[in-house]
């Protein structure tokens, strides 16, 4: 009986930990909000992290307001974008930075063919770009599915 109670308790604690570690996913394409299904959201989050991890360029000081570039993360969210807000800092291995990023928020501008990735952490905002097309294609397929009625 004790074993069953322990198994149920561990299962409950795992469920609570997963529920507490939620990520808010917002997708806006051509000025319209797209609502991905709850089943697809975790996949979108993981593909977005994969995209970030595979980047070949980063800048700790984004060039806000350069030609064709947003002036801030809020400005990036005024165009088509994918926006992730983590419930707490998410540790992401970023090889290009030779370390980790404690991401709190990620904005990926769309379309992915010319996207930039802005990551907000406690240390500030960093910009990432030049990711692998195959990884972008995987994310794009999920976004396309989310757009289907």
C-alpha atoms as a PDB file:
ATOM      1  CA  UNK A   1       0.000   0.000   0.000  1.00  0.00           C
ATOM      2  CA  UNK A   2       2.859   2.357   0.832  1.00  0.00           C
ATOM      3  CA  UNK A   3       4.428   1.712  -2.557  1.00  0.00           C
ATOM      4  CA  UNK A   4       1.213   2.618  -4.381  1.00  0.00           C
ATOM      5  CA  UNK A   5       0.894   5.824  -2.371  1.00  0.00           C
ATOM      6  CA  UNK A   6       4.502   6.760  -3.168  1.00  0.00           C
ATOM      7  CA  UNK A   7       3.982   6.060  -6.884  1.00  0.00           C
ATOM      8  CA  UNK A   8       0.854   8.242  -6.935  1.00  0.00           C
ATOM      9  CA  UNK A   9       2.634  10.982  -5.013  1.00  0.00           C
ATOM     10  CA  UNK A  10       5.586  10.963  -7.419  1.00  0.00           C
ATOM     11  CA  UNK A  11       3.208  11.041 -10.375  1.00  0.00           C
ATOM     12  CA  UNK A  12       1.333  13.966  -8.846  1.00  0.00           C
ATOM     13  CA  UNK A  13       4.557  15.852  -8.148  1.00  0.00           C
ATOM     14  CA  UNK A  14       5.723  15.290 -11.738  1.00  0.00           C
ATOM     15  CA  UNK A  15       2.367  16.588 -12.993  1.00  0.00           C
ATOM     16  CA  UNK A  16       2.596  19.677 -10.764  1.00  0.00           C
ATOM     17  CA  UNK A  17       6.164  20.349 -11.935  1.00  0.00           C
ATOM     18  CA  UNK A  18       5.085  20.136 -15.577  1.00  0.00           C
ATOM     19  CA  UNK A  19       2.040  22.310 -14.977  1.00  0.00           C
ATOM     20  CA  UNK A  20       4.143  24.907 -13.170  1.00  0.00           C
ATOM     21  CA  UNK A  21       6.671  24.982 -16.009  1.00  0.00           C
ATOM     22  CA  UNK A  22       4.333  26.253 -18.689  1.00  0.00           C
ATOM     23  CA  UNK A  23       5.253  28.473 -21.589  1.00  0.00           C
ATOM     24  CA  UNK A  24       2.872  30.992 -23.073  1.00  0.00           C
ATOM     25  CA  UNK A  25       2.911  30.704 -26.873  1.00  0.00           C
ATOM     26  CA  UNK A  26       1.572  33.520 -29.038  1.00  0.00           C
ATOM     27  CA  UNK A  27       1.627  33.457 -32.828  1.00  0.00           C
ATOM     28  CA  UNK A  28       0.680  36.466 -34.948  1.00  0.00           C
ATOM     29  CA  UNK A  29       0.775  36.127 -38.733  1.00  0.00           C
ATOM     30  CA  UNK A  30      -0.224  38.977 -41.051  1.00  0.00           C
ATOM     31  CA  UNK A  31      -1.813  40.860 -38.157  1.00  0.00           C
ATOM     32  CA  UNK A  32      -4.002  37.920 -37.108  1.00  0.00           C
ATOM     33  CA  UNK A  33      -3.532  35.914 -33.943  1.00  0.00           C
ATOM     34  CA  UNK A  34      -3.177  32.183 -34.594  1.00  0.00           C
ATOM     35  CA  UNK A  35      -4.148  29.822 -31.776  1.00  0.00           C
ATOM     36  CA  UNK A  36      -2.084  26.624 -31.864  1.00  0.00           C
ATOM     37  CA  UNK A  37      -3.731  23.666 -30.158  1.00  0.00           C
ATOM     38  CA  UNK A  38      -2.518  22.875 -26.640  1.00  0.00           C
ATOM     39  CA  UNK A  39      -1.052  19.634 -27.996  1.00  0.00           C
ATOM     40  CA  UNK A  40       1.096  21.512 -30.551  1.00  0.00           C
ATOM     41  CA  UNK A  41       2.357  24.285 -28.233  1.00  0.00           C
ATOM     42  CA  UNK A  42       5.062  22.166 -26.540  1.00  0.00           C
ATOM     43  CA  UNK A  43       6.329  21.131 -29.977  1.00  0.00           C
ATOM     44  CA  UNK A  44       6.444  24.770 -31.095  1.00  0.00           C
ATOM     45  CA  UNK A  45       8.433  25.630 -27.967  1.00  0.00           C
ATOM     46  CA  UNK A  46      10.916  22.800 -28.552  1.00  0.00           C
ATOM     47  CA  UNK A  47      11.357  23.613 -32.256  1.00  0.00           C
ATOM     48  CA  UNK A  48      11.880  27.285 -31.352  1.00  0.00           C
ATOM     49  CA  UNK A  49      14.570  26.328 -28.849  1.00  0.00           C
ATOM     50  CA  UNK A  50      16.140  24.050 -31.487  1.00  0.00           C
ATOM     51  CA  UNK A  51      16.192  27.018 -33.872  1.00  0.00           C
ATOM     52  CA  UNK A  52      17.922  29.177 -31.260  1.00  0.00           C
ATOM     53  CA  UNK A  53      20.470  26.490 -30.372  1.00  0.00           C
ATOM     54  CA  UNK A  54      21.434  26.080 -34.028  1.00  0.00           C
ATOM     55  CA  UNK A  55      22.113  29.764 -34.668  1.00  0.00           C
ATOM     56  CA  UNK A  56      25.479  30.703 -36.150  1.00  0.00           C
ATOM     57  CA  UNK A  57      25.321  34.397 -35.198  1.00  0.00           C
ATOM     58  CA  UNK A  58      24.652  36.259 -31.981  1.00  0.00           C
ATOM     59  CA  UNK A  59      24.978  39.786 -30.692  1.00  0.00           C
ATOM     60  CA  UNK A  60      24.768  40.718 -27.039  1.00  0.00           C
ATOM     61  CA  UNK A  61      23.820  44.231 -28.094  1.00  0.00           C
ATOM     62  CA  UNK A  62      21.108  44.062 -30.763  1.00  0.00           C
ATOM     63  CA  UNK A  63      21.285  46.740 -33.428  1.00  0.00           C
ATOM     64  CA  UNK A  64      17.876  48.203 -32.561  1.00  0.00           C
ATOM     65  CA  UNK A  65      16.493  50.523 -35.200  1.00  0.00           C
ATOM     66  CA  UNK A  66      18.949  49.608 -37.961  1.00  0.00           C
ATOM     67  CA  UNK A  67      17.389  49.572 -41.436  1.00  0.00           C
ATOM     68  CA  UNK A  68      14.605  46.962 -41.541  1.00  0.00           C
ATOM     69  CA  UNK A  69      15.177  46.072 -37.875  1.00  0.00           C
ATOM     70  CA  UNK A  70      12.825  46.645 -34.918  1.00  0.00           C
ATOM     71  CA  UNK A  71      13.652  49.192 -32.235  1.00  0.00           C
ATOM     72  CA  UNK A  72      12.787  46.828 -29.357  1.00  0.00           C
ATOM     73  CA  UNK A  73      11.235  43.447 -28.585  1.00  0.00           C
ATOM     74  CA  UNK A  74       7.859  45.194 -28.381  1.00  0.00           C
ATOM     75  CA  UNK A  75       8.489  46.601 -31.852  1.00  0.00           C
ATOM     76  CA  UNK A  76       9.374  43.107 -33.126  1.00  0.00           C
ATOM     77  CA  UNK A  77       5.982  41.927 -31.819  1.00  0.00           C
ATOM     78  CA  UNK A  78       4.220  44.493 -34.040  1.00  0.00           C
ATOM     79  CA  UNK A  79       5.039  42.407 -37.112  1.00  0.00           C
ATOM     80  CA  UNK A  80       4.353  38.720 -37.774  1.00  0.00           C
ATOM     81  CA  UNK A  81       6.035  36.813 -34.968  1.00  0.00           C
ATOM     82  CA  UNK A  82       6.199  33.885 -32.606  1.00  0.00           C
ATOM     83  CA  UNK A  83       6.386  34.929 -28.953  1.00  0.00           C
ATOM     84  CA  UNK A  84       7.332  32.606 -26.100  1.00  0.00           C
ATOM     85  CA  UNK A  85       7.152  33.634 -22.462  1.00  0.00           C
ATOM     86  CA  UNK A  86       8.522  31.057 -20.043  1.00  0.00           C
ATOM     87  CA  UNK A  87       7.032  30.637 -16.566  1.00  0.00           C
ATOM     88  CA  UNK A  88      10.563  30.903 -15.187  1.00  0.00           C
ATOM     89  CA  UNK A  89      14.040  31.192 -16.687  1.00  0.00           C
ATOM     90  CA  UNK A  90      14.663  28.418 -19.208  1.00  0.00           C
ATOM     91  CA  UNK A  91      18.256  27.252 -19.420  1.00  0.00           C
ATOM     92  CA  UNK A  92      19.179  26.876 -23.088  1.00  0.00           C
ATOM     93  CA  UNK A  93      22.578  25.677 -24.299  1.00  0.00           C
ATOM     94  CA  UNK A  94      23.704  28.170 -26.925  1.00  0.00           C
ATOM     95  CA  UNK A  95      26.908  26.894 -28.567  1.00  0.00           C
ATOM     96  CA  UNK A  96      27.480  30.167 -30.421  1.00  0.00           C
ATOM     97  CA  UNK A  97      27.683  31.912 -27.015  1.00  0.00           C
ATOM     98  CA  UNK A  98      29.820  29.096 -25.644  1.00  0.00           C
ATOM     99  CA  UNK A  99      27.482  28.675 -22.713  1.00  0.00           C
ATOM    100  CA  UNK A 100      23.902  28.903 -21.642  1.00  0.00           C
ATOM    101  CA  UNK A 101      21.158  31.475 -21.922  1.00  0.00           C
ATOM    102  CA  UNK A 102      18.655  31.830 -19.097  1.00  0.00           C
ATOM    103  CA  UNK A 103      15.778  32.779 -21.406  1.00  0.00           C
ATOM    104  CA  UNK A 104      12.678  34.410 -19.988  1.00  0.00           C
ATOM    105  CA  UNK A 105      11.182  35.477 -23.288  1.00  0.00           C
ATOM    106  CA  UNK A 106      11.839  34.766 -26.973  1.00  0.00           C
ATOM    107  CA  UNK A 107      10.514  36.644 -30.000  1.00  0.00           C
ATOM    108  CA  UNK A 108      11.052  35.128 -33.439  1.00  0.00           C
ATOM    109  CA  UNK A 109      10.051  37.399 -36.295  1.00  0.00           C
ATOM    110  CA  UNK A 110       8.306  35.800 -39.243  1.00  0.00           C
ATOM    111  CA  UNK A 111       8.617  34.656 -41.964  1.00  0.00           C
ATOM    112  CA  UNK A 112      11.310  32.252 -40.891  1.00  0.00           C
ATOM    113  CA  UNK A 113      13.163  32.724 -44.194  1.00  0.00           C
ATOM    114  CA  UNK A 114      14.394  36.088 -42.908  1.00  0.00           C
ATOM    115  CA  UNK A 115      13.723  35.802 -39.195  1.00  0.00           C
ATOM    116  CA  UNK A 116      15.642  37.153 -36.258  1.00  0.00           C
ATOM    117  CA  UNK A 117      15.464  35.799 -32.737  1.00  0.00           C
ATOM    118  CA  UNK A 118      15.472  38.108 -29.722  1.00  0.00           C
ATOM    119  CA  UNK A 119      16.014  36.533 -26.317  1.00  0.00           C
ATOM    120  CA  UNK A 120      15.373  38.390 -23.065  1.00  0.00           C
ATOM    121  CA  UNK A 121      17.118  37.148 -19.941  1.00  0.00           C
ATOM    122  CA  UNK A 122      17.998  38.700 -16.602  1.00  0.00           C
ATOM    123  CA  UNK A 123      21.248  39.913 -18.210  1.00  0.00           C
ATOM    124  CA  UNK A 124      19.480  41.813 -21.008  1.00  0.00           C
ATOM    125  CA  UNK A 125      18.450  41.116 -24.584  1.00  0.00           C
ATOM    126  CA  UNK A 126      20.518  39.211 -27.132  1.00  0.00           C
ATOM    127  CA  UNK A 127      19.945  38.781 -30.852  1.00  0.00           C
ATOM    128  CA  UNK A 128      20.443  35.495 -32.719  1.00  0.00           C
ATOM    129  CA  UNK A 129      20.299  34.693 -36.440  1.00  0.00           C
ATOM    130  CA  UNK A 130      21.634  32.452 -39.216  1.00  0.00           C
ATOM    131  CA  UNK A 131      19.984  29.200 -38.241  1.00  0.00           C
ATOM    132  CA  UNK A 132      19.769  25.891 -40.055  1.00  0.00           C
ATOM    133  CA  UNK A 133      17.051  25.784 -42.747  1.00  0.00           C
ATOM    134  CA  UNK A 134      16.070  22.213 -41.876  1.00  0.00           C
ATOM    135  CA  UNK A 135      15.273  23.272 -38.293  1.00  0.00           C
ATOM    136  CA  UNK A 136      13.338  26.305 -39.550  1.00  0.00           C
ATOM    137  CA  UNK A 137      11.341  24.024 -41.867  1.00  0.00           C
ATOM    138  CA  UNK A 138      10.300  21.840 -38.906  1.00  0.00           C
ATOM    139  CA  UNK A 139       9.056  24.882 -37.011  1.00  0.00           C
ATOM    140  CA  UNK A 140       7.359  26.278 -40.118  1.00  0.00           C
ATOM    141  CA  UNK A 141       5.384  23.034 -40.573  1.00  0.00           C
ATOM    142  CA  UNK A 142       4.025  23.374 -37.026  1.00  0.00           C
ATOM    143  CA  UNK A 143       3.084  27.013 -37.628  1.00  0.00           C
ATOM    144  CA  UNK A 144       1.377  26.062 -40.901  1.00  0.00           C
ATOM    145  CA  UNK A 145      -0.607  23.353 -39.096  1.00  0.00           C
ATOM    146  CA  UNK A 146      -1.653  25.877 -36.448  1.00  0.00           C
ATOM    147  CA  UNK A 147      -3.059  28.139 -39.181  1.00  0.00           C
ATOM    148  CA  UNK A 148      -5.325  25.392 -40.543  1.00  0.00           C
ATOM    149  CA  UNK A 149      -8.956  25.706 -39.428  1.00  0.00           C
END
